[in-house]
Amino acid sequence: MTHATLTVPTLLPPDAGTWREVNGGYELRFERRLRHSPDKVWRAIATPEGIASWFAKPDMEMKTGGRYDLRFDHPVTDTWTEEDQNRVEPNSILVYDPPRVFSHTFGEDHVVRWELNADGDGTWLVMTHHVPSKDTGAMTSYLGGWTQHLRALEPAILGQATVWNWDGWRALKAAYDEQVKV
């Protein structure tokens, strides 16, 4: 008698992003309700001090058309020794409309857009990342990265800086790898 093996897929976490095919690539989408005013959320996602506490160290001109260079200093560990994780990513600000919309390039031809809407005593955040079709092979890396970074946003608003966690990112990426079929 033979026995069938049942493989249970890894479930994505409740705060997982979604993805859908759009003209020229894919749109990654994350939505969150944060317990803070749009002004506080804006300071965390669109000012140098705020961004540095949860994402990367920015050198930016806070205006539409301004420069937005991000310095990533993710720690090298015993299990991750990639040199390119200490790098500067040059970007441009496409829309800077406090405290509602912040849109910028992310690398050569990716676009990230942050939209904030008041929601009672908090803020509804919608973040999208357009991944061009040539980069769809890296979508699960982006999904895992954004999920992990966005988890650090709430503590950042409360003044708590966070440190990148390679093991957490790998676990998220693995879960997305099982679910994302492009």
N, C-alpha and C. Protein backbone atom coordinates (compact mmCIF):
# COMPACT_ATOMS: atom_id res chain seq x y z
N MET A 1 0.84 -1.17 0.00
CA MET A 1 0.00 0.00 0.00
C MET A 1 0.90 1.25 0.00
N THR A 2 0.57 2.19 -0.86
CA THR A 2 1.33 3.45 -0.87
C THR A 2 0.53 4.51 -0.14
N HIS A 3 1.25 5.44 0.41
CA HIS A 3 0.63 6.55 1.14
C HIS A 3 0.95 7.85 0.43
N ALA A 4 -0.05 8.65 0.32
CA ALA A 4 0.15 9.97 -0.28
C ALA A 4 0.72 10.91 0.76
N THR A 5 1.57 11.80 0.33
CA THR A 5 2.12 12.80 1.23
C THR A 5 1.40 14.11 0.97
N LEU A 6 0.90 14.69 2.02
CA LEU A 6 0.20 15.96 1.91
C LEU A 6 1.15 17.07 2.29
N THR A 7 1.31 18.00 1.41
CA THR A 7 2.14 19.16 1.70
C THR A 7 1.23 20.33 1.99
N VAL A 8 1.38 20.90 3.17
CA VAL A 8 0.57 22.06 3.57
C VAL A 8 1.38 23.31 3.26
N PRO A 9 0.85 24.18 2.42
CA PRO A 9 1.61 25.39 2.09
C PRO A 9 1.75 26.30 3.30
N THR A 10 2.85 27.01 3.33
CA THR A 10 3.05 28.00 4.38
C THR A 10 2.06 29.13 4.17
N LEU A 11 1.35 29.48 5.20
CA LEU A 11 0.39 30.57 5.10
C LEU A 11 1.11 31.91 5.19
N LEU A 12 0.62 32.84 4.42
CA LEU A 12 1.16 34.18 4.51
C LEU A 12 0.64 34.83 5.78
N PRO A 13 1.41 35.73 6.37
CA PRO A 13 0.95 36.39 7.59
C PRO A 13 -0.21 37.33 7.29
N PRO A 14 -0.99 37.70 8.31
CA PRO A 14 -2.14 38.59 8.09
C PRO A 14 -1.75 39.95 7.50
N ASP A 15 -0.52 40.39 7.73
CA ASP A 15 -0.10 41.70 7.21
C ASP A 15 0.61 41.58 5.86
N ALA A 16 0.43 40.47 5.19
CA ALA A 16 1.08 40.24 3.89
C ALA A 16 0.57 41.22 2.84
N GLY A 17 1.43 41.49 1.90
CA GLY A 17 1.03 42.30 0.76
C GLY A 17 0.32 41.44 -0.28
N THR A 18 -0.29 42.11 -1.22
CA THR A 18 -0.93 41.44 -2.35
C THR A 18 -0.17 41.82 -3.61
N TRP A 19 -0.42 41.09 -4.68
CA TRP A 19 0.23 41.37 -5.96
C TRP A 19 -0.77 41.11 -7.06
N ARG A 20 -0.65 41.92 -8.12
CA ARG A 20 -1.50 41.71 -9.29
C ARG A 20 -0.74 42.19 -10.50
N GLU A 21 -1.04 41.54 -11.61
CA GLU A 21 -0.40 41.93 -12.86
C GLU A 21 -1.02 43.23 -13.35
N VAL A 22 -0.17 44.14 -13.77
CA VAL A 22 -0.60 45.41 -14.34
C VAL A 22 0.21 45.63 -15.61
N ASN A 23 -0.18 46.61 -16.37
CA ASN A 23 0.53 46.91 -17.61
C ASN A 23 2.01 47.13 -17.33
N GLY A 24 2.84 46.30 -17.92
CA GLY A 24 4.28 46.48 -17.79
C GLY A 24 4.91 45.84 -16.57
N GLY A 25 4.14 45.06 -15.80
CA GLY A 25 4.75 44.42 -14.64
C GLY A 25 3.72 44.00 -13.61
N TYR A 26 4.07 44.22 -12.34
CA TYR A 26 3.21 43.84 -11.23
C TYR A 26 3.11 45.00 -10.24
N GLU A 27 1.96 45.06 -9.58
CA GLU A 27 1.77 46.01 -8.49
C GLU A 27 1.73 45.24 -7.19
N LEU A 28 2.64 45.59 -6.27
CA LEU A 28 2.61 45.05 -4.92
C LEU A 28 1.84 46.07 -4.09
N ARG A 29 0.97 45.59 -3.20
CA ARG A 29 0.10 46.50 -2.45
C ARG A 29 0.06 46.09 -0.98
N PHE A 30 0.24 47.06 -0.12
CA PHE A 30 0.15 46.86 1.32
C PHE A 30 -0.81 47.90 1.87
N GLU A 31 -1.72 47.45 2.73
CA GLU A 31 -2.66 48.36 3.38
C GLU A 31 -2.58 48.14 4.88
N ARG A 32 -2.62 49.24 5.62
CA ARG A 32 -2.54 49.18 7.07
C ARG A 32 -3.41 50.27 7.67
N ARG A 33 -4.01 49.96 8.82
CA ARG A 33 -4.61 51.01 9.63
C ARG A 33 -3.65 51.24 10.79
N LEU A 34 -3.15 52.46 10.87
CA LEU A 34 -2.23 52.82 11.93
C LEU A 34 -2.96 53.68 12.96
N ARG A 35 -2.59 53.53 14.21
CA ARG A 35 -3.29 54.21 15.31
C ARG A 35 -2.75 55.61 15.56
N HIS A 36 -2.34 56.28 14.50
CA HIS A 36 -1.74 57.61 14.64
C HIS A 36 -2.30 58.52 13.56
N SER A 37 -2.21 59.81 13.80
CA SER A 37 -2.73 60.79 12.86
C SER A 37 -1.93 60.76 11.55
N PRO A 38 -2.53 61.24 10.45
CA PRO A 38 -1.78 61.32 9.19
C PRO A 38 -0.49 62.13 9.33
N ASP A 39 -0.50 63.18 10.14
CA ASP A 39 0.73 63.98 10.31
C ASP A 39 1.85 63.15 10.92
N LYS A 40 1.54 62.34 11.92
CA LYS A 40 2.57 61.49 12.55
C LYS A 40 3.06 60.42 11.58
N VAL A 41 2.14 59.82 10.84
CA VAL A 41 2.53 58.79 9.88
C VAL A 41 3.38 59.43 8.78
N TRP A 42 2.99 60.62 8.33
CA TRP A 42 3.76 61.32 7.30
C TRP A 42 5.20 61.54 7.75
N ARG A 43 5.36 62.00 9.00
CA ARG A 43 6.72 62.23 9.50
C ARG A 43 7.55 60.96 9.45
N ALA A 44 6.92 59.81 9.67
CA ALA A 44 7.65 58.54 9.65
C ALA A 44 8.00 58.08 8.24
N ILE A 45 7.13 58.34 7.27
CA ILE A 45 7.38 57.80 5.91
C ILE A 45 8.00 58.80 4.95
N ALA A 46 7.98 60.10 5.29
CA ALA A 46 8.37 61.09 4.28
C ALA A 46 9.29 62.19 4.80
N THR A 47 9.94 61.98 5.95
CA THR A 47 10.94 62.93 6.43
C THR A 47 12.23 62.17 6.73
N PRO A 48 13.37 62.81 6.63
CA PRO A 48 14.63 62.10 6.86
C PRO A 48 14.71 61.41 8.22
N GLU A 49 14.31 62.10 9.28
CA GLU A 49 14.40 61.51 10.62
C GLU A 49 13.49 60.30 10.74
N GLY A 50 12.29 60.40 10.22
CA GLY A 50 11.35 59.29 10.31
C GLY A 50 11.79 58.08 9.51
N ILE A 51 12.17 58.31 8.28
CA ILE A 51 12.57 57.21 7.39
C ILE A 51 13.78 56.47 7.95
N ALA A 52 14.73 57.21 8.51
CA ALA A 52 15.96 56.60 9.04
C ALA A 52 15.69 55.65 10.20
N SER A 53 14.56 55.82 10.89
CA SER A 53 14.31 54.99 12.06
C SER A 53 13.72 53.62 11.73
N TRP A 54 13.29 53.41 10.48
CA TRP A 54 12.67 52.12 10.16
C TRP A 54 13.02 51.57 8.78
N PHE A 55 13.62 52.37 7.92
CA PHE A 55 13.81 51.90 6.54
C PHE A 55 15.26 52.02 6.08
N ALA A 56 15.71 53.21 5.81
CA ALA A 56 17.07 53.46 5.33
C ALA A 56 17.42 54.90 5.69
N LYS A 57 18.68 55.24 5.55
CA LYS A 57 19.10 56.62 5.84
C LYS A 57 18.97 57.44 4.57
N PRO A 58 18.02 58.40 4.55
CA PRO A 58 17.81 59.16 3.32
C PRO A 58 18.62 60.46 3.27
N ASP A 59 18.99 60.82 2.08
CA ASP A 59 19.49 62.15 1.78
C ASP A 59 18.49 62.67 0.77
N MET A 60 17.63 63.61 1.21
CA MET A 60 16.48 63.94 0.37
C MET A 60 16.18 65.42 0.35
N GLU A 61 15.58 65.83 -0.76
CA GLU A 61 15.00 67.17 -0.91
C GLU A 61 13.50 66.97 -0.83
N MET A 62 12.88 67.46 0.23
CA MET A 62 11.47 67.17 0.50
C MET A 62 10.58 68.04 -0.38
N LYS A 63 10.54 67.69 -1.67
CA LYS A 63 9.70 68.39 -2.64
C LYS A 63 9.54 67.53 -3.88
N THR A 64 8.46 67.76 -4.60
CA THR A 64 8.26 67.08 -5.87
C THR A 64 9.43 67.42 -6.79
N GLY A 65 10.01 66.40 -7.39
CA GLY A 65 11.17 66.59 -8.25
C GLY A 65 12.50 66.52 -7.51
N GLY A 66 12.45 66.39 -6.19
CA GLY A 66 13.66 66.38 -5.39
C GLY A 66 14.40 65.05 -5.43
N ARG A 67 15.62 65.11 -4.96
CA ARG A 67 16.48 63.93 -4.86
C ARG A 67 16.05 63.12 -3.63
N TYR A 68 16.17 61.79 -3.72
CA TYR A 68 15.79 60.90 -2.63
C TYR A 68 16.73 59.70 -2.64
N ASP A 69 17.93 59.90 -2.12
CA ASP A 69 18.93 58.83 -2.10
C ASP A 69 18.80 58.07 -0.79
N LEU A 70 18.76 56.75 -0.87
CA LEU A 70 18.59 55.90 0.31
C LEU A 70 19.86 55.10 0.56
N ARG A 71 20.39 55.21 1.77
CA ARG A 71 21.56 54.42 2.16
C ARG A 71 21.06 53.25 3.01
N PHE A 72 21.27 52.05 2.48
CA PHE A 72 20.90 50.83 3.18
C PHE A 72 22.14 50.30 3.89
N ASP A 73 22.06 50.14 5.18
CA ASP A 73 23.16 49.60 5.97
C ASP A 73 22.68 48.37 6.73
N HIS A 74 22.05 47.44 6.02
CA HIS A 74 21.59 46.22 6.67
C HIS A 74 22.81 45.45 7.18
N PRO A 75 22.73 44.93 8.38
CA PRO A 75 23.91 44.29 8.96
C PRO A 75 24.29 43.00 8.24
N VAL A 76 25.59 42.80 8.16
CA VAL A 76 26.13 41.54 7.66
C VAL A 76 26.14 40.59 8.86
N THR A 77 25.72 39.36 8.65
CA THR A 77 25.67 38.38 9.74
C THR A 77 26.39 37.12 9.30
N ASP A 78 26.41 36.13 10.19
CA ASP A 78 27.03 34.85 9.86
C ASP A 78 26.32 34.17 8.70
N THR A 79 25.00 34.43 8.58
CA THR A 79 24.23 33.75 7.54
C THR A 79 23.94 34.64 6.34
N TRP A 80 24.33 35.90 6.39
CA TRP A 80 24.12 36.78 5.24
C TRP A 80 25.32 37.70 5.11
N THR A 81 26.08 37.51 4.06
CA THR A 81 27.30 38.29 3.88
C THR A 81 27.31 39.04 2.57
N GLU A 82 26.11 39.31 2.03
CA GLU A 82 26.03 40.01 0.75
C GLU A 82 26.56 41.43 0.88
N GLU A 83 27.55 41.75 0.08
CA GLU A 83 28.15 43.08 0.14
C GLU A 83 27.20 44.18 -0.31
N ASP A 84 26.31 43.88 -1.26
CA ASP A 84 25.47 44.92 -1.83
C ASP A 84 24.39 45.43 -0.88
N GLN A 85 24.33 44.90 0.35
CA GLN A 85 23.33 45.39 1.29
C GLN A 85 23.81 46.62 2.04
N ASN A 86 25.02 47.04 1.80
CA ASN A 86 25.51 48.33 2.27
C ASN A 86 25.72 49.16 1.01
N ARG A 87 24.67 49.87 0.63
CA ARG A 87 24.68 50.55 -0.66
C ARG A 87 23.83 51.81 -0.60
N VAL A 88 24.02 52.66 -1.59
CA VAL A 88 23.17 53.85 -1.76
C VAL A 88 22.33 53.64 -3.01
N GLU A 89 21.03 53.83 -2.86
CA GLU A 89 20.08 53.69 -3.97
C GLU A 89 19.62 55.09 -4.36
N PRO A 90 20.05 55.61 -5.53
CA PRO A 90 19.60 56.94 -5.95
C PRO A 90 18.17 56.89 -6.50
N ASN A 91 17.36 57.80 -6.02
CA ASN A 91 15.95 57.86 -6.41
C ASN A 91 15.53 59.31 -6.59
N SER A 92 14.31 59.50 -7.07
CA SER A 92 13.73 60.84 -7.25
C SER A 92 12.33 60.86 -6.66
N ILE A 93 11.97 62.01 -6.11
CA ILE A 93 10.62 62.19 -5.57
C ILE A 93 9.70 62.61 -6.72
N LEU A 94 8.64 61.86 -6.94
CA LEU A 94 7.69 62.15 -8.01
C LEU A 94 6.55 63.02 -7.52
N VAL A 95 6.06 62.76 -6.30
CA VAL A 95 4.98 63.56 -5.69
C VAL A 95 5.32 63.71 -4.21
N TYR A 96 5.25 64.95 -3.72
CA TYR A 96 5.45 65.23 -2.30
C TYR A 96 4.34 66.17 -1.88
N ASP A 97 3.26 65.60 -1.36
CA ASP A 97 2.04 66.35 -1.03
C ASP A 97 1.64 66.04 0.41
N PRO A 98 2.29 66.69 1.39
CA PRO A 98 2.03 66.39 2.80
C PRO A 98 0.59 66.73 3.20
N PRO A 99 0.00 65.98 4.09
CA PRO A 99 0.37 64.64 4.53
C PRO A 99 -0.44 63.57 3.81
N ARG A 100 -0.55 63.67 2.51
CA ARG A 100 -1.41 62.74 1.77
C ARG A 100 -0.68 61.77 0.86
N VAL A 101 0.19 62.27 -0.01
CA VAL A 101 0.81 61.40 -1.02
C VAL A 101 2.32 61.65 -1.10
N PHE A 102 3.06 60.55 -1.05
CA PHE A 102 4.51 60.57 -1.25
C PHE A 102 4.81 59.47 -2.25
N SER A 103 5.34 59.84 -3.40
CA SER A 103 5.64 58.87 -4.45
C SER A 103 7.07 59.11 -4.91
N HIS A 104 7.79 58.01 -5.15
CA HIS A 104 9.19 58.14 -5.53
C HIS A 104 9.63 56.95 -6.37
N THR A 105 10.70 57.15 -7.09
CA THR A 105 11.29 56.02 -7.79
C THR A 105 11.98 55.15 -6.76
N PHE A 106 12.23 53.92 -7.14
CA PHE A 106 12.95 52.98 -6.29
C PHE A 106 13.84 52.19 -7.23
N GLY A 107 15.05 52.66 -7.39
CA GLY A 107 15.90 52.11 -8.42
C GLY A 107 15.57 52.77 -9.75
N GLU A 108 15.97 52.14 -10.81
CA GLU A 108 15.84 52.78 -12.12
C GLU A 108 14.41 52.97 -12.59
N ASP A 109 13.58 51.94 -12.49
CA ASP A 109 12.26 52.05 -13.09
C ASP A 109 11.14 51.47 -12.23
N HIS A 110 11.37 51.39 -10.94
CA HIS A 110 10.31 51.02 -10.00
C HIS A 110 9.71 52.31 -9.44
N VAL A 111 8.43 52.26 -9.08
CA VAL A 111 7.78 53.41 -8.44
C VAL A 111 7.06 52.92 -7.19
N VAL A 112 7.31 53.62 -6.09
CA VAL A 112 6.64 53.35 -4.82
C VAL A 112 5.76 54.55 -4.50
N ARG A 113 4.53 54.28 -4.09
CA ARG A 113 3.57 55.34 -3.78
C ARG A 113 2.95 55.07 -2.41
N TRP A 114 2.96 56.08 -1.57
CA TRP A 114 2.37 56.04 -0.23
C TRP A 114 1.18 56.99 -0.21
N GLU A 115 0.02 56.48 0.17
CA GLU A 115 -1.17 57.32 0.28
C GLU A 115 -1.70 57.22 1.71
N LEU A 116 -1.98 58.38 2.32
CA LEU A 116 -2.49 58.43 3.68
C LEU A 116 -3.88 59.05 3.68
N ASN A 117 -4.80 58.42 4.39
CA ASN A 117 -6.15 58.95 4.54
C ASN A 117 -6.54 58.87 6.01
N ALA A 118 -7.08 59.98 6.53
CA ALA A 118 -7.56 59.98 7.91
C ALA A 118 -8.62 58.89 8.05
N ASP A 119 -8.57 58.19 9.18
CA ASP A 119 -9.52 57.10 9.45
C ASP A 119 -9.86 57.16 10.94
N GLY A 120 -10.85 57.97 11.29
CA GLY A 120 -11.20 58.15 12.69
C GLY A 120 -10.03 58.78 13.43
N ASP A 121 -9.56 58.10 14.47
CA ASP A 121 -8.43 58.63 15.24
C ASP A 121 -7.09 58.10 14.72
N GLY A 122 -7.10 57.52 13.53
CA GLY A 122 -5.88 56.95 12.96
C GLY A 122 -5.72 57.30 11.49
N THR A 123 -4.97 56.46 10.80
CA THR A 123 -4.66 56.69 9.39
C THR A 123 -4.75 55.37 8.64
N TRP A 124 -5.35 55.42 7.47
CA TRP A 124 -5.34 54.28 6.56
C TRP A 124 -4.20 54.51 5.58
N LEU A 125 -3.23 53.61 5.58
CA LEU A 125 -2.06 53.70 4.72
C LEU A 125 -2.19 52.69 3.59
N VAL A 126 -2.00 53.16 2.36
CA VAL A 126 -1.91 52.28 1.20
C VAL A 126 -0.57 52.55 0.54
N MET A 127 0.24 51.51 0.45
CA MET A 127 1.55 51.61 -0.20
C MET A 127 1.56 50.66 -1.38
N THR A 128 1.93 51.17 -2.55
CA THR A 128 2.06 50.32 -3.73
C THR A 128 3.48 50.43 -4.27
N HIS A 129 3.93 49.36 -4.86
CA HIS A 129 5.26 49.30 -5.47
C HIS A 129 5.08 48.68 -6.85
N HIS A 130 5.35 49.45 -7.89
CA HIS A 130 5.28 48.92 -9.25
C HIS A 130 6.62 48.25 -9.57
N VAL A 131 6.54 46.95 -9.85
CA VAL A 131 7.72 46.16 -10.21
C VAL A 131 7.64 45.91 -11.71
N PRO A 132 8.59 46.43 -12.49
CA PRO A 132 8.55 46.20 -13.93
C PRO A 132 8.71 44.72 -14.27
N SER A 133 8.18 44.33 -15.41
CA SER A 133 8.17 42.91 -15.79
C SER A 133 9.56 42.30 -15.80
N LYS A 134 10.60 43.07 -16.12
CA LYS A 134 11.96 42.52 -16.15
C LYS A 134 12.44 42.11 -14.76
N ASP A 135 11.77 42.58 -13.69
CA ASP A 135 12.20 42.28 -12.33
C ASP A 135 11.22 41.39 -11.56
N THR A 136 10.29 40.75 -12.26
CA THR A 136 9.29 39.94 -11.54
C THR A 136 9.94 38.76 -10.81
N GLY A 137 11.11 38.34 -11.22
CA GLY A 137 11.79 37.25 -10.52
C GLY A 137 12.18 37.62 -9.10
N ALA A 138 12.22 38.90 -8.79
CA ALA A 138 12.59 39.36 -7.45
C ALA A 138 11.38 39.78 -6.63
N MET A 139 10.17 39.52 -7.13
CA MET A 139 8.97 39.99 -6.42
C MET A 139 8.88 39.48 -5.00
N THR A 140 9.22 38.23 -4.76
CA THR A 140 9.08 37.71 -3.40
C THR A 140 10.10 38.36 -2.46
N SER A 141 11.24 38.76 -3.00
CA SER A 141 12.19 39.52 -2.18
C SER A 141 11.61 40.86 -1.78
N TYR A 142 10.99 41.54 -2.74
CA TYR A 142 10.36 42.84 -2.44
C TYR A 142 9.20 42.66 -1.47
N LEU A 143 8.35 41.66 -1.70
CA LEU A 143 7.21 41.44 -0.80
C LEU A 143 7.68 41.15 0.62
N GLY A 144 8.66 40.28 0.76
CA GLY A 144 9.19 39.99 2.09
C GLY A 144 9.83 41.20 2.73
N GLY A 145 10.57 41.95 1.94
CA GLY A 145 11.23 43.15 2.46
C GLY A 145 10.24 44.20 2.93
N TRP A 146 9.24 44.49 2.09
CA TRP A 146 8.25 45.49 2.49
C TRP A 146 7.44 45.04 3.70
N THR A 147 7.09 43.75 3.75
CA THR A 147 6.35 43.26 4.92
C THR A 147 7.16 43.51 6.18
N GLN A 148 8.43 43.16 6.13
CA GLN A 148 9.27 43.35 7.32
C GLN A 148 9.47 44.83 7.63
N HIS A 149 9.75 45.63 6.63
CA HIS A 149 9.94 47.07 6.88
C HIS A 149 8.67 47.69 7.45
N LEU A 150 7.52 47.35 6.89
CA LEU A 150 6.27 47.96 7.37
C LEU A 150 5.93 47.53 8.79
N ARG A 151 6.38 46.39 9.21
CA ARG A 151 6.20 45.99 10.62
C ARG A 151 6.96 46.92 11.55
N ALA A 152 8.01 47.54 11.06
CA ALA A 152 8.80 48.46 11.87
C ALA A 152 8.23 49.87 11.89
N LEU A 153 7.23 50.14 11.05
CA LEU A 153 6.68 51.49 10.94
C LEU A 153 5.99 51.94 12.22
N GLU A 154 5.12 51.12 12.78
CA GLU A 154 4.40 51.49 14.01
C GLU A 154 5.37 51.79 15.16
N PRO A 155 6.34 50.92 15.44
CA PRO A 155 7.32 51.29 16.48
C PRO A 155 8.07 52.58 16.16
N ALA A 156 8.37 52.81 14.88
CA ALA A 156 9.08 54.03 14.50
C ALA A 156 8.26 55.27 14.83
N ILE A 157 6.97 55.21 14.58
CA ILE A 157 6.10 56.34 14.90
C ILE A 157 6.14 56.63 16.40
N LEU A 158 6.32 55.59 17.20
CA LEU A 158 6.40 55.73 18.66
C LEU A 158 7.81 56.08 19.13
N GLY A 159 8.74 56.29 18.17
CA GLY A 159 10.10 56.69 18.53
C GLY A 159 11.05 55.55 18.77
N GLN A 160 10.69 54.34 18.35
CA GLN A 160 11.54 53.17 18.56
C GLN A 160 12.18 52.75 17.24
N ALA A 161 13.47 52.94 17.12
CA ALA A 161 14.18 52.52 15.91
C ALA A 161 14.28 51.00 15.87
N THR A 162 14.34 50.45 14.69
CA THR A 162 14.45 48.99 14.52
C THR A 162 15.68 48.64 13.70
N VAL A 163 16.09 47.39 13.80
CA VAL A 163 17.24 46.88 13.06
C VAL A 163 16.74 45.79 12.12
N TRP A 164 17.28 45.77 10.92
CA TRP A 164 16.90 44.77 9.93
C TRP A 164 17.20 43.37 10.46
N ASN A 165 16.31 42.42 10.15
CA ASN A 165 16.44 41.05 10.62
C ASN A 165 16.44 40.12 9.40
N TRP A 166 17.63 39.60 9.05
CA TRP A 166 17.74 38.74 7.87
C TRP A 166 16.92 37.47 8.02
N ASP A 167 16.90 36.87 9.20
CA ASP A 167 16.14 35.62 9.38
C ASP A 167 14.64 35.87 9.17
N GLY A 168 14.14 36.99 9.68
CA GLY A 168 12.73 37.33 9.48
C GLY A 168 12.42 37.52 8.01
N TRP A 169 13.30 38.22 7.31
CA TRP A 169 13.10 38.44 5.87
C TRP A 169 13.10 37.12 5.12
N ARG A 170 14.04 36.22 5.45
CA ARG A 170 14.12 34.93 4.75
C ARG A 170 12.84 34.12 4.95
N ALA A 171 12.31 34.14 6.18
CA ALA A 171 11.07 33.39 6.45
C ALA A 171 9.91 33.97 5.65
N LEU A 172 9.81 35.30 5.60
CA LEU A 172 8.75 35.93 4.81
C LEU A 172 8.91 35.63 3.33
N LYS A 173 10.13 35.75 2.82
CA LYS A 173 10.38 35.48 1.41
C LYS A 173 10.00 34.04 1.07
N ALA A 174 10.34 33.10 1.95
CA ALA A 174 10.00 31.69 1.71
C ALA A 174 8.49 31.49 1.65
N ALA A 175 7.76 32.17 2.52
CA ALA A 175 6.29 32.06 2.50
C ALA A 175 5.74 32.64 1.19
N TYR A 176 6.26 33.78 0.77
CA TYR A 176 5.82 34.36 -0.51
C TYR A 176 6.22 33.46 -1.68
N ASP A 177 7.43 32.86 -1.61
CA ASP A 177 7.87 31.96 -2.69
C ASP A 177 6.86 30.85 -2.94
N GLU A 178 6.24 30.35 -1.88
CA GLU A 178 5.26 29.27 -2.03
C GLU A 178 3.96 29.74 -2.65
N GLN A 179 3.64 31.02 -2.49
CA GLN A 179 2.33 31.53 -2.91
C GLN A 179 2.37 32.29 -4.25
N VAL A 180 3.44 32.96 -4.54
CA VAL A 180 3.51 33.81 -5.73
C VAL A 180 3.89 32.97 -6.94
N LYS A 181 3.02 32.94 -7.90
CA LYS A 181 3.29 32.23 -9.16
C LYS A 181 3.09 33.22 -10.30
N VAL A 182 4.19 33.65 -10.88
CA VAL A 182 4.10 34.61 -11.99
C VAL A 182 4.75 34.04 -13.24
